[in-house]
Amino acid sequence: MQINGKKAVVVGGASGMGKATAEALAAAGATVAILDREASEGKEIANQIGGVFHAIDITDFEGAEQALGAAVADLGSLHIAVNTAGGGTVKKTLGRSGPHDLETFRQVVDLNLISTFNLNRLQAFHMSKNDAEDSERGVIVNTSSIAAFEGQIGQVAYTASKAGIAGMALVMARDLGPQGIRVLAIAPSLFATGATAAFTDEQVAPLVEDAAFPKRMGRPEEYAKLALAIIDNQMLNGQCLRLDAGQRFAPR
């Protein structure tokens, strides 16, 4: 898909990989709506890139539908959706205090997996209204994690939710193929976002020692580059692409 002139939403676009992707899309000629928390810097970033901002709580599923609808109304249509918002917690299946509580597990699955599917089904609906360009109406890019494949000790909820995102890619691509909508996921390793951006080289070294090369955390702009490459290349579809410097997480 040619990015220039297209309309895009980036959920989680106020920081980290989402911010870098929103900026890259705008630089490539897209009009971008940033959807992020009310207290984020989303409005300022949207102003800087000539886009729009809408506050969203992705775990408020009905509210998220309204926020997305308002963003698409502002844009006029929707061709590109990049979803980066999410998070997790560390808790073992069985720890010293007893079994992993179901409420925390459910919260992490809601935050990552259910919210992603909720956004995807709605994004696809808006994309389906587009006129086809080279038989294509839209591209959806989700964010998984290499923890989906080699989750570490204490990541059972996070791994389950991110593995679900990876697993949805092919099925959803098959579901949406007749509408000319592609679906992919990116599985990053450790990236310099949020709290990790302030880590020293000494703190980072043991976290990336299992990487082949380069032995460092990923940079948000490297995620953005892959997202834009996915959007550009119509033959990429239905898979989860690792962005990890050849890293395979050890058990801890």
C-alpha atoms as a PDB file:
ATOM      1  CA  MET A   1       0.000   0.000   0.000  1.00  0.00           C
ATOM      2  CA  GLN A   2       1.238   3.458  -0.875  1.00  0.00           C
ATOM      3  CA  ILE A   3       1.379   5.390   2.400  1.00  0.00           C
ATOM      4  CA  ASN A   4       1.252   8.887   0.950  1.00  0.00           C
ATOM      5  CA  GLY A   5      -2.257  10.295   1.192  1.00  0.00           C
ATOM      6  CA  LYS A   6      -3.580   7.487   3.386  1.00  0.00           C
ATOM      7  CA  LYS A   7      -5.349   7.755   6.752  1.00  0.00           C
ATOM      8  CA  ALA A   8      -3.844   5.934   9.728  1.00  0.00           C
ATOM      9  CA  VAL A   9      -4.494   5.335  13.406  1.00  0.00           C
ATOM     10  CA  VAL A  10      -1.754   4.444  15.858  1.00  0.00           C
ATOM     11  CA  VAL A  11      -3.044   3.095  19.159  1.00  0.00           C
ATOM     12  CA  GLY A  12      -0.404   3.754  21.780  1.00  0.00           C
ATOM     13  CA  GLY A  13       1.052   6.465  19.570  1.00  0.00           C
ATOM     14  CA  ALA A  14       2.060   8.848  22.353  1.00  0.00           C
ATOM     15  CA  SER A  15       5.284   7.071  23.288  1.00  0.00           C
ATOM     16  CA  GLY A  16       7.861   4.491  22.329  1.00  0.00           C
ATOM     17  CA  MET A  17       7.301   2.346  19.259  1.00  0.00           C
ATOM     18  CA  GLY A  18       3.869   3.850  18.650  1.00  0.00           C
ATOM     19  CA  LYS A  19       5.196   7.398  18.663  1.00  0.00           C
ATOM     20  CA  ALA A  20       8.029   6.491  16.292  1.00  0.00           C
ATOM     21  CA  THR A  21       5.544   4.820  13.954  1.00  0.00           C
ATOM     22  CA  ALA A  22       3.130   7.754  14.018  1.00  0.00           C
ATOM     23  CA  GLU A  23       5.987  10.123  13.169  1.00  0.00           C
ATOM     24  CA  ALA A  24       7.237   7.856  10.374  1.00  0.00           C
ATOM     25  CA  LEU A  25       3.773   7.504   8.862  1.00  0.00           C
ATOM     26  CA  ALA A  26       3.294  11.265   8.902  1.00  0.00           C
ATOM     27  CA  ALA A  27       6.714  11.794   7.322  1.00  0.00           C
ATOM     28  CA  ALA A  28       5.694   9.366   4.568  1.00  0.00           C
ATOM     29  CA  GLY A  29       2.601  11.420   3.802  1.00  0.00           C
ATOM     30  CA  ALA A  30      -0.145   9.795   5.873  1.00  0.00           C
ATOM     31  CA  THR A  31      -2.614  11.684   8.033  1.00  0.00           C
ATOM     32  CA  VAL A  32      -2.358  10.134  11.479  1.00  0.00           C
ATOM     33  CA  ALA A  33      -4.711   9.872  14.437  1.00  0.00           C
ATOM     34  CA  ILE A  34      -2.967   9.089  17.715  1.00  0.00           C
ATOM     35  CA  LEU A  35      -5.048   7.171  20.245  1.00  0.00           C
ATOM     36  CA  ASP A  36      -3.611   7.000  23.733  1.00  0.00           C
ATOM     37  CA  ARG A  37      -4.403   7.772  27.348  1.00  0.00           C
ATOM     38  CA  GLU A  38      -5.794  11.174  28.248  1.00  0.00           C
ATOM     39  CA  ALA A  39      -2.781  11.943  30.441  1.00  0.00           C
ATOM     40  CA  SER A  40      -0.278  11.090  27.697  1.00  0.00           C
ATOM     41  CA  GLU A  41       1.565  13.464  25.389  1.00  0.00           C
ATOM     42  CA  GLY A  42      -0.575  12.304  22.492  1.00  0.00           C
ATOM     43  CA  LYS A  43      -2.174  15.679  21.782  1.00  0.00           C
ATOM     44  CA  GLU A  44       1.183  17.448  21.568  1.00  0.00           C
ATOM     45  CA  ILE A  45       2.650  14.769  19.323  1.00  0.00           C
ATOM     46  CA  ALA A  46      -0.414  14.828  17.070  1.00  0.00           C
ATOM     47  CA  ASN A  47      -0.066  18.588  16.706  1.00  0.00           C
ATOM     48  CA  GLN A  48       3.603  18.209  15.817  1.00  0.00           C
ATOM     49  CA  ILE A  49       2.873  15.764  12.986  1.00  0.00           C
ATOM     50  CA  GLY A  50      -0.262  17.475  11.704  1.00  0.00           C
ATOM     51  CA  GLY A  51      -2.570  14.767  12.988  1.00  0.00           C
ATOM     52  CA  VAL A  52      -5.363  14.401  15.523  1.00  0.00           C
ATOM     53  CA  PHE A  53      -5.544  12.950  19.013  1.00  0.00           C
ATOM     54  CA  HIS A  54      -8.283  10.977  20.746  1.00  0.00           C
ATOM     55  CA  ALA A  55      -8.073   9.693  24.298  1.00  0.00           C
ATOM     56  CA  ILE A  56      -8.628   5.962  24.708  1.00  0.00           C
ATOM     57  CA  ASP A  57      -8.667   3.322  27.414  1.00  0.00           C
ATOM     58  CA  ILE A  58      -8.200   0.135  25.436  1.00  0.00           C
ATOM     59  CA  THR A  59      -9.625  -1.981  28.269  1.00  0.00           C
ATOM     60  CA  ASP A  60     -12.885  -0.029  28.136  1.00  0.00           C
ATOM     61  CA  PHE A  61     -14.096  -1.914  25.111  1.00  0.00           C
ATOM     62  CA  GLU A  62     -17.193   0.155  24.404  1.00  0.00           C
ATOM     63  CA  GLY A  63     -15.294   3.376  25.030  1.00  0.00           C
ATOM     64  CA  ALA A  64     -12.536   2.203  22.697  1.00  0.00           C
ATOM     65  CA  GLU A  65     -15.103   1.654  19.962  1.00  0.00           C
ATOM     66  CA  GLN A  66     -16.328   5.218  20.404  1.00  0.00           C
ATOM     67  CA  ALA A  67     -12.802   6.658  20.437  1.00  0.00           C
ATOM     68  CA  LEU A  68     -11.843   4.800  17.277  1.00  0.00           C
ATOM     69  CA  GLY A  69     -15.057   5.840  15.566  1.00  0.00           C
ATOM     70  CA  ALA A  70     -14.422   9.481  16.432  1.00  0.00           C
ATOM     71  CA  ALA A  71     -10.863   9.264  15.100  1.00  0.00           C
ATOM     72  CA  VAL A  72     -12.001   7.733  11.823  1.00  0.00           C
ATOM     73  CA  ALA A  73     -14.684  10.409  11.509  1.00  0.00           C
ATOM     74  CA  ASP A  74     -11.969  13.056  11.872  1.00  0.00           C
ATOM     75  CA  LEU A  75      -9.771  11.327   9.321  1.00  0.00           C
ATOM     76  CA  GLY A  76     -12.597  10.650   6.895  1.00  0.00           C
ATOM     77  CA  SER A  77     -11.557   7.013   6.328  1.00  0.00           C
ATOM     78  CA  LEU A  78      -9.092   4.420   7.597  1.00  0.00           C
ATOM     79  CA  HIS A  79      -6.430   2.563   5.609  1.00  0.00           C
ATOM     80  CA  ILE A  80      -3.702   1.788   8.154  1.00  0.00           C
ATOM     81  CA  ALA A  81      -3.917   0.692  11.796  1.00  0.00           C
ATOM     82  CA  VAL A  82      -0.917   0.077  14.035  1.00  0.00           C
ATOM     83  CA  ASN A  83      -1.628  -1.173  17.548  1.00  0.00           C
ATOM     84  CA  THR A  84       1.188  -0.935  20.097  1.00  0.00           C
ATOM     85  CA  ALA A  85      -0.559  -0.338  23.432  1.00  0.00           C
ATOM     86  CA  GLY A  86      -0.272  -3.054  26.084  1.00  0.00           C
ATOM     87  CA  GLY A  87       1.640  -4.226  29.117  1.00  0.00           C
ATOM     88  CA  GLY A  88       2.085  -7.035  31.587  1.00  0.00           C
ATOM     89  CA  THR A  89       3.008  -8.235  35.024  1.00  0.00           C
ATOM     90  CA  VAL A  90       5.339 -10.808  36.579  1.00  0.00           C
ATOM     91  CA  LYS A  91       3.746 -13.634  38.516  1.00  0.00           C
ATOM     92  CA  LYS A  92       4.409 -17.382  38.530  1.00  0.00           C
ATOM     93  CA  THR A  93       1.765 -20.016  37.901  1.00  0.00           C
ATOM     94  CA  LEU A  94       2.497 -21.188  41.428  1.00  0.00           C
ATOM     95  CA  GLY A  95       4.442 -18.901  43.747  1.00  0.00           C
ATOM     96  CA  ARG A  96       5.272 -18.687  47.415  1.00  0.00           C
ATOM     97  CA  SER A  97       1.920 -17.063  48.142  1.00  0.00           C
ATOM     98  CA  GLY A  98      -0.037 -19.702  46.216  1.00  0.00           C
ATOM     99  CA  PRO A  99      -1.498 -20.086  42.722  1.00  0.00           C
ATOM    100  CA  HIS A 100      -1.518 -17.275  40.189  1.00  0.00           C
ATOM    101  CA  ASP A 101      -4.756 -15.364  40.768  1.00  0.00           C
ATOM    102  CA  LEU A 102      -7.226 -15.425  37.924  1.00  0.00           C
ATOM    103  CA  GLU A 103      -8.044 -11.728  38.160  1.00  0.00           C
ATOM    104  CA  THR A 104      -4.507 -10.619  37.298  1.00  0.00           C
ATOM    105  CA  PHE A 105      -4.295 -13.181  34.497  1.00  0.00           C
ATOM    106  CA  ARG A 106      -7.599 -11.959  33.094  1.00  0.00           C
ATOM    107  CA  GLN A 107      -6.515  -8.319  33.333  1.00  0.00           C
ATOM    108  CA  VAL A 108      -3.353  -8.950  31.315  1.00  0.00           C
ATOM    109  CA  VAL A 109      -5.258 -10.923  28.678  1.00  0.00           C
ATOM    110  CA  ASP A 110      -7.843  -8.139  28.475  1.00  0.00           C
ATOM    111  CA  LEU A 111      -5.121  -5.500  28.192  1.00  0.00           C
ATOM    112  CA  ASN A 112      -3.191  -7.204  25.412  1.00  0.00           C
ATOM    113  CA  LEU A 113      -5.281  -9.787  23.586  1.00  0.00           C
ATOM    114  CA  ILE A 114      -8.937  -8.869  23.994  1.00  0.00           C
ATOM    115  CA  SER A 115      -8.297  -5.171  23.442  1.00  0.00           C
ATOM    116  CA  THR A 116      -6.278  -5.935  20.301  1.00  0.00           C
ATOM    117  CA  PHE A 117      -9.035  -8.092  18.841  1.00  0.00           C
ATOM    118  CA  ASN A 118     -11.650  -5.509  19.756  1.00  0.00           C
ATOM    119  CA  LEU A 119      -9.691  -2.828  17.913  1.00  0.00           C
ATOM    120  CA  ASN A 120      -8.959  -5.121  14.973  1.00  0.00           C
ATOM    121  CA  ARG A 121     -12.571  -6.072  14.336  1.00  0.00           C
ATOM    122  CA  LEU A 122     -13.569  -2.403  14.372  1.00  0.00           C
ATOM    123  CA  GLN A 123     -10.601  -1.245  12.302  1.00  0.00           C
ATOM    124  CA  ALA A 124     -11.385  -3.888   9.692  1.00  0.00           C
ATOM    125  CA  PHE A 125     -14.999  -2.708   9.553  1.00  0.00           C
ATOM    126  CA  HIS A 126     -13.920   0.862   8.808  1.00  0.00           C
ATOM    127  CA  MET A 127     -11.365  -0.320   6.234  1.00  0.00           C
ATOM    128  CA  SER A 128     -13.935  -2.450   4.450  1.00  0.00           C
ATOM    129  CA  LYS A 129     -15.707   0.741   3.350  1.00  0.00           C
ATOM    130  CA  ASN A 130     -12.723   1.931   1.317  1.00  0.00           C
ATOM    131  CA  ASP A 131     -12.478   1.742  -2.432  1.00  0.00           C
ATOM    132  CA  ALA A 132      -9.918  -0.899  -3.332  1.00  0.00           C
ATOM    133  CA  GLU A 133      -6.513   0.256  -4.541  1.00  0.00           C
ATOM    134  CA  ASP A 134      -4.712  -2.582  -6.313  1.00  0.00           C
ATOM    135  CA  SER A 135      -7.362  -4.824  -4.693  1.00  0.00           C
ATOM    136  CA  GLU A 136      -6.327  -3.589  -1.226  1.00  0.00           C
ATOM    137  CA  ARG A 137      -8.412  -1.716   1.343  1.00  0.00           C
ATOM    138  CA  GLY A 138      -6.350  -1.750   4.503  1.00  0.00           C
ATOM    139  CA  VAL A 139      -3.441  -3.014   6.602  1.00  0.00           C
ATOM    140  CA  ILE A 140      -3.494  -3.875  10.308  1.00  0.00           C
ATOM    141  CA  VAL A 141      -0.236  -4.222  12.256  1.00  0.00           C
ATOM    142  CA  ASN A 142      -0.396  -5.600  15.805  1.00  0.00           C
ATOM    143  CA  THR A 143       2.299  -5.892  18.453  1.00  0.00           C
ATOM    144  CA  SER A 144       3.189  -9.273  19.924  1.00  0.00           C
ATOM    145  CA  SER A 145       6.487 -10.078  21.670  1.00  0.00           C
ATOM    146  CA  ILE A 146       9.209 -12.696  21.464  1.00  0.00           C
ATOM    147  CA  ALA A 147       7.830 -13.726  24.853  1.00  0.00           C
ATOM    148  CA  ALA A 148       5.015 -15.258  22.804  1.00  0.00           C
ATOM    149  CA  PHE A 149       7.512 -17.940  21.797  1.00  0.00           C
ATOM    150  CA  GLU A 150      10.016 -18.075  24.691  1.00  0.00           C
ATOM    151  CA  GLY A 151       8.277 -16.588  27.675  1.00  0.00           C
ATOM    152  CA  GLN A 152      10.364 -16.252  30.796  1.00  0.00           C
ATOM    153  CA  ILE A 153       9.552 -17.437  34.295  1.00  0.00           C
ATOM    154  CA  GLY A 154       6.721 -15.329  35.670  1.00  0.00           C
ATOM    155  CA  GLN A 155       5.455 -14.247  32.249  1.00  0.00           C
ATOM    156  CA  VAL A 156       2.653 -16.780  31.906  1.00  0.00           C
ATOM    157  CA  ALA A 157      -0.135 -14.194  31.538  1.00  0.00           C
ATOM    158  CA  TYR A 158       1.902 -11.907  29.293  1.00  0.00           C
ATOM    159  CA  THR A 159       3.053 -14.823  27.143  1.00  0.00           C
ATOM    160  CA  ALA A 160      -0.470 -16.170  26.758  1.00  0.00           C
ATOM    161  CA  SER A 161      -1.778 -12.787  25.641  1.00  0.00           C
ATOM    162  CA  LYS A 162       1.071 -12.067  23.235  1.00  0.00           C
ATOM    163  CA  ALA A 163       0.957 -15.598  21.809  1.00  0.00           C
ATOM    164  CA  GLY A 164      -2.727 -14.984  21.105  1.00  0.00           C
ATOM    165  CA  ILE A 165      -1.858 -11.883  19.100  1.00  0.00           C
ATOM    166  CA  ALA A 166       0.717 -13.837  17.099  1.00  0.00           C
ATOM    167  CA  GLY A 167      -1.733 -16.675  16.537  1.00  0.00           C
ATOM    168  CA  MET A 168      -4.525 -14.406  15.322  1.00  0.00           C
ATOM    169  CA  ALA A 169      -2.499 -13.001  12.439  1.00  0.00           C
ATOM    170  CA  LEU A 170      -2.985 -15.812   9.920  1.00  0.00           C
ATOM    171  CA  VAL A 171      -6.602 -16.559  10.806  1.00  0.00           C
ATOM    172  CA  MET A 172      -7.570 -12.915  10.707  1.00  0.00           C
ATOM    173  CA  ALA A 173      -5.711 -12.436   7.418  1.00  0.00           C
ATOM    174  CA  ARG A 174      -7.728 -15.327   6.006  1.00  0.00           C
ATOM    175  CA  ASP A 175     -10.951 -13.888   7.402  1.00  0.00           C
ATOM    176  CA  LEU A 176     -10.275 -10.459   5.913  1.00  0.00           C
ATOM    177  CA  GLY A 177      -8.611 -11.472   2.665  1.00  0.00           C
ATOM    178  CA  PRO A 178     -11.870 -11.205   0.675  1.00  0.00           C
ATOM    179  CA  GLN A 179     -12.114  -7.564   1.806  1.00  0.00           C
ATOM    180  CA  GLY A 180      -8.539  -6.826   0.710  1.00  0.00           C
ATOM    181  CA  ILE A 181      -7.286  -6.262   4.266  1.00  0.00           C
ATOM    182  CA  ARG A 182      -3.932  -7.603   5.424  1.00  0.00           C
ATOM    183  CA  VAL A 183      -3.078  -8.457   9.049  1.00  0.00           C
ATOM    184  CA  LEU A 184       0.367  -8.935  10.543  1.00  0.00           C
ATOM    185  CA  ALA A 185       2.051  -8.790  13.922  1.00  0.00           C
ATOM    186  CA  ILE A 186       5.505  -7.678  14.991  1.00  0.00           C
ATOM    187  CA  ALA A 187       7.204  -9.510  17.865  1.00  0.00           C
ATOM    188  CA  PRO A 188       9.884  -7.233  19.339  1.00  0.00           C
ATOM    189  CA  SER A 189      12.516  -8.214  21.860  1.00  0.00           C
ATOM    190  CA  LEU A 190      13.560  -5.679  24.501  1.00  0.00           C
ATOM    191  CA  PHE A 191      13.169  -2.149  23.151  1.00  0.00           C
ATOM    192  CA  ALA A 192      14.235   1.169  24.606  1.00  0.00           C
ATOM    193  CA  THR A 193      10.765   2.376  25.566  1.00  0.00           C
ATOM    194  CA  GLY A 194       9.306   3.625  28.812  1.00  0.00           C
ATOM    195  CA  ALA A 195      11.359   2.731  31.862  1.00  0.00           C
ATOM    196  CA  THR A 196      13.970   0.777  29.887  1.00  0.00           C
ATOM    197  CA  ALA A 197      14.983   3.904  27.956  1.00  0.00           C
ATOM    198  CA  ALA A 198      16.798   5.136  31.057  1.00  0.00           C
ATOM    199  CA  PHE A 199      18.800   1.922  31.602  1.00  0.00           C
ATOM    200  CA  THR A 200      22.582   2.221  31.653  1.00  0.00           C
ATOM    201  CA  ASP A 201      24.790   0.109  29.386  1.00  0.00           C
ATOM    202  CA  GLU A 202      25.705  -1.989  32.439  1.00  0.00           C
ATOM    203  CA  GLN A 203      22.028  -2.685  33.143  1.00  0.00           C
ATOM    204  CA  VAL A 204      21.254  -3.511  29.520  1.00  0.00           C
ATOM    205  CA  ALA A 205      24.175  -5.895  28.918  1.00  0.00           C
ATOM    206  CA  PRO A 206      22.802  -8.936  30.810  1.00  0.00           C
ATOM    207  CA  LEU A 207      19.350  -8.410  29.292  1.00  0.00           C
ATOM    208  CA  VAL A 208      20.614  -8.729  25.718  1.00  0.00           C
ATOM    209  CA  GLU A 209      23.480 -11.195  26.134  1.00  0.00           C
ATOM    210  CA  ASP A 210      21.481 -13.889  24.317  1.00  0.00           C
ATOM    211  CA  ALA A 211      21.103 -11.746  21.176  1.00  0.00           C
ATOM    212  CA  ALA A 212      23.173 -12.716  18.141  1.00  0.00           C
ATOM    213  CA  PHE A 213      23.782  -9.159  16.901  1.00  0.00           C
ATOM    214  CA  PRO A 214      23.455  -6.355  17.785  1.00  0.00           C
ATOM    215  CA  LYS A 215      23.689  -6.887  21.525  1.00  0.00           C
ATOM    216  CA  ARG A 216      21.552  -3.923  22.527  1.00  0.00           C
ATOM    217  CA  MET A 217      17.929  -3.031  23.018  1.00  0.00           C
ATOM    218  CA  GLY A 218      15.919  -2.205  19.953  1.00  0.00           C
ATOM    219  CA  ARG A 219      15.191   1.383  19.036  1.00  0.00           C
ATOM    220  CA  PRO A 220      11.622   2.606  18.521  1.00  0.00           C
ATOM    221  CA  GLU A 221      12.451   3.810  15.018  1.00  0.00           C
ATOM    222  CA  GLU A 222      13.471   0.244  14.089  1.00  0.00           C
ATOM    223  CA  TYR A 223       9.970  -0.934  14.950  1.00  0.00           C
ATOM    224  CA  ALA A 224       8.583   1.934  12.856  1.00  0.00           C
ATOM    225  CA  LYS A 225      10.748   0.960   9.887  1.00  0.00           C
ATOM    226  CA  LEU A 226       9.377  -2.589   9.955  1.00  0.00           C
ATOM    227  CA  ALA A 227       5.798  -1.377  10.322  1.00  0.00           C
ATOM    228  CA  LEU A 228       6.163   0.848   7.263  1.00  0.00           C
ATOM    229  CA  ALA A 229       7.843  -1.958   5.301  1.00  0.00           C
ATOM    230  CA  ILE A 230       4.890  -4.211   6.129  1.00  0.00           C
ATOM    231  CA  ILE A 231       2.430  -1.591   4.953  1.00  0.00           C
ATOM    232  CA  ASP A 232       4.378  -1.039   1.745  1.00  0.00           C
ATOM    233  CA  ASN A 233       4.789  -4.706   0.770  1.00  0.00           C
ATOM    234  CA  GLN A 234       1.505  -6.307  -0.272  1.00  0.00           C
ATOM    235  CA  MET A 235       2.946  -9.826  -0.212  1.00  0.00           C
ATOM    236  CA  LEU A 236       3.496  -9.638   3.536  1.00  0.00           C
ATOM    237  CA  ASN A 237       0.423 -11.047   5.229  1.00  0.00           C
ATOM    238  CA  GLY A 238      -0.812 -13.416   7.908  1.00  0.00           C
ATOM    239  CA  GLN A 239       2.343 -13.795   9.984  1.00  0.00           C
ATOM    240  CA  CYS A 240       4.171 -12.588  13.063  1.00  0.00           C
ATOM    241  CA  LEU A 241       7.593 -11.150  12.291  1.00  0.00           C
ATOM    242  CA  ARG A 242      10.289 -11.275  14.966  1.00  0.00           C
ATOM    243  CA  LEU A 243      12.271  -8.078  15.499  1.00  0.00           C
ATOM    244  CA  ASP A 244      14.829  -9.336  17.978  1.00  0.00           C
ATOM    245  CA  ALA A 245      18.477  -9.289  16.813  1.00  0.00           C
ATOM    246  CA  GLY A 246      18.403 -13.089  16.906  1.00  0.00           C
ATOM    247  CA  GLN A 247      17.610 -13.159  20.609  1.00  0.00           C
ATOM    248  CA  ARG A 248      15.944 -16.110  22.309  1.00  0.00           C
ATOM    249  CA  PHE A 249      14.857 -15.438  25.892  1.00  0.00           C
ATOM    250  CA  ALA A 250      16.391 -17.643  28.544  1.00  0.00           C
ATOM    251  CA  PRO A 251      14.073 -18.969  31.297  1.00  0.00           C
ATOM    252  CA  ARG A 252      14.922 -15.960  33.482  1.00  0.00           C
END
